[in-house]
Protein backbone atom coordinates (compact mmCIF):
# COMPACT_ATOMS: atom_id res chain seq x y z
CA UNK A 1 97.89 103.71 83.93
CA UNK A 2 100.73 102.06 86.01
CA UNK A 3 103.50 101.03 84.67
CA UNK A 4 106.59 99.75 85.85
CA UNK A 5 109.96 98.70 84.01
CA UNK A 6 112.47 95.97 85.50
CA UNK A 7 116.36 96.33 84.52
CA UNK A 8 119.90 94.89 85.61
CA UNK A 9 119.87 90.93 85.42
CA UNK A 10 122.38 89.16 84.24
CA UNK A 11 124.09 85.96 85.10
CA UNK A 12 127.17 86.46 87.40
CA UNK A 13 129.25 84.10 89.39
CA UNK A 14 128.55 83.12 93.56
CA UNK A 15 129.83 86.06 95.44
CA UNK A 16 129.48 88.36 92.85
CA UNK A 17 127.21 91.16 92.75
CA UNK A 18 124.46 92.67 90.49
CA UNK A 19 121.70 95.82 90.95
CA UNK A 20 118.25 95.79 89.85
CA UNK A 21 116.00 98.85 88.23
CA UNK A 22 112.69 99.65 88.50
CA UNK A 23 110.55 102.90 86.79
CA UNK A 24 107.72 103.29 87.78
CA UNK A 25 104.95 105.55 85.69
CA UNK A 26 101.95 106.04 86.40
CA UNK A 27 100.99 107.16 89.55
CA UNK A 28 102.86 109.32 92.54
CA UNK A 29 105.88 106.91 92.57
CA UNK A 30 106.48 108.91 96.14
CA UNK A 31 103.13 107.70 97.44
CA UNK A 32 103.07 103.93 97.28
CA UNK A 33 104.84 101.61 98.18
CA UNK A 34 107.49 99.34 96.86
CA UNK A 35 108.79 95.92 97.30
CA UNK A 36 110.31 92.90 95.17
CA UNK A 37 109.43 89.57 94.44
CA UNK A 38 111.58 86.58 92.83
CA UNK A 39 110.13 83.03 91.50
CA UNK A 40 112.44 80.02 90.69
CA UNK A 41 111.62 77.84 88.62
CA UNK A 42 109.11 75.57 90.58
CA UNK A 43 108.76 77.73 93.44
CA UNK A 44 106.36 80.05 94.82
CA UNK A 45 106.84 84.23 94.06
CA UNK A 46 108.38 84.76 97.27
CA UNK A 47 109.09 88.20 98.66
CA UNK A 48 112.55 89.57 98.56
CA UNK A 49 112.44 92.85 100.83
CA UNK A 50 109.52 96.03 100.38
CA UNK A 51 110.14 99.85 101.60
CA UNK A 52 107.02 101.81 102.71
CA UNK A 53 106.30 105.93 100.79
CA UNK A 54 108.69 106.32 104.76
CA UNK A 55 111.33 104.28 103.46
CA UNK A 56 111.38 101.74 105.65
CA UNK A 57 112.05 98.97 104.68
CA UNK A 58 111.31 95.07 105.98
CA UNK A 59 113.47 91.72 103.82
CA UNK A 60 113.10 88.29 103.36
CA UNK A 61 115.49 86.60 106.01
CA UNK A 62 117.17 84.83 102.99
CA UNK A 63 118.41 87.85 101.60
CA UNK A 64 119.44 89.47 104.82
CA UNK A 65 122.35 92.33 105.27
CA UNK A 66 123.07 91.20 101.52
CA UNK A 67 120.52 92.69 99.59
CA UNK A 68 119.73 96.38 100.01
CA UNK A 69 116.05 97.58 98.90
CA UNK A 70 116.48 101.10 97.37
CA UNK A 71 114.25 104.87 96.47
CA UNK A 72 114.25 107.49 94.35
CA UNK A 73 111.71 109.40 94.30
CA UNK A 74 112.59 112.35 92.13
CA UNK A 75 113.59 109.64 89.54
CA UNK A 76 110.45 107.30 89.94
CA UNK A 77 113.01 104.35 90.89
CA UNK A 78 113.47 101.55 92.97
CA UNK A 79 116.66 99.65 92.93
CA UNK A 80 117.67 96.63 94.72
CA UNK A 81 121.55 96.19 95.45
CA UNK A 82 122.53 92.43 95.45
CA UNK A 83 125.48 91.88 97.15
CA UNK A 84 127.11 88.29 97.89
CA UNK A 85 124.98 86.32 95.17
CA UNK A 86 124.64 82.77 95.71
CA UNK A 87 123.07 79.86 93.23
CA UNK A 88 119.61 79.58 95.29
CA UNK A 89 118.82 83.36 94.61
CA UNK A 90 118.75 82.57 90.75
CA UNK A 91 114.51 83.48 90.16
CA UNK A 92 113.29 85.99 87.33
CA UNK A 93 113.19 89.22 89.72
CA UNK A 94 110.23 91.23 89.70
CA UNK A 95 109.06 94.93 91.37
CA UNK A 96 105.43 95.77 92.67
CA UNK A 97 104.06 98.84 93.78
CA UNK A 98 100.56 98.66 95.93
CA UNK A 99 98.52 101.87 94.97
CA UNK A 100 98.72 104.55 97.65
CA UNK A 101 94.75 105.45 96.05
CA UNK A 102 93.14 101.78 95.75
CA UNK A 103 95.05 99.48 96.99
CA UNK A 104 95.57 97.53 94.24
CA UNK A 105 99.14 95.58 93.39
CA UNK A 106 100.80 96.40 90.53
CA UNK A 107 103.86 94.16 88.72
CA UNK A 108 106.47 94.15 86.30
CA UNK A 109 107.00 91.57 83.92
CA UNK A 110 110.61 90.59 85.61
CA UNK A 111 114.47 90.58 85.06
CA UNK A 112 115.89 86.93 85.15
CA UNK A 113 119.28 87.08 87.59
CA UNK A 114 121.13 83.92 87.54
CA UNK A 115 123.62 82.87 89.73
CA UNK A 116 126.14 80.59 88.23
CA UNK A 117 130.30 79.37 87.50
């Protein structure tokens, strides 16, 4: 069974940086497309960034130039480097995987990111 576990969230001041990580198990990691999504209180979940099995990336306009998504297929990890953080980046960030075999989406439980002075 596919499992995703996120880490790296926390409290950071505006302008600061955080690096989120997601460890995947139960699948051939390198074959799956993956992504980071976030949900702020009272708002719908939104896409942050995605990365294909081949390494192609896509970003929400709101994070372009500030966030970088990457994957390490040898370690089964997905990372999100977040720089120049803003209060509006405050949200629960979730790791998402699209199964290469079934196209089913899997989600981690999420990690809280709070940007505040």
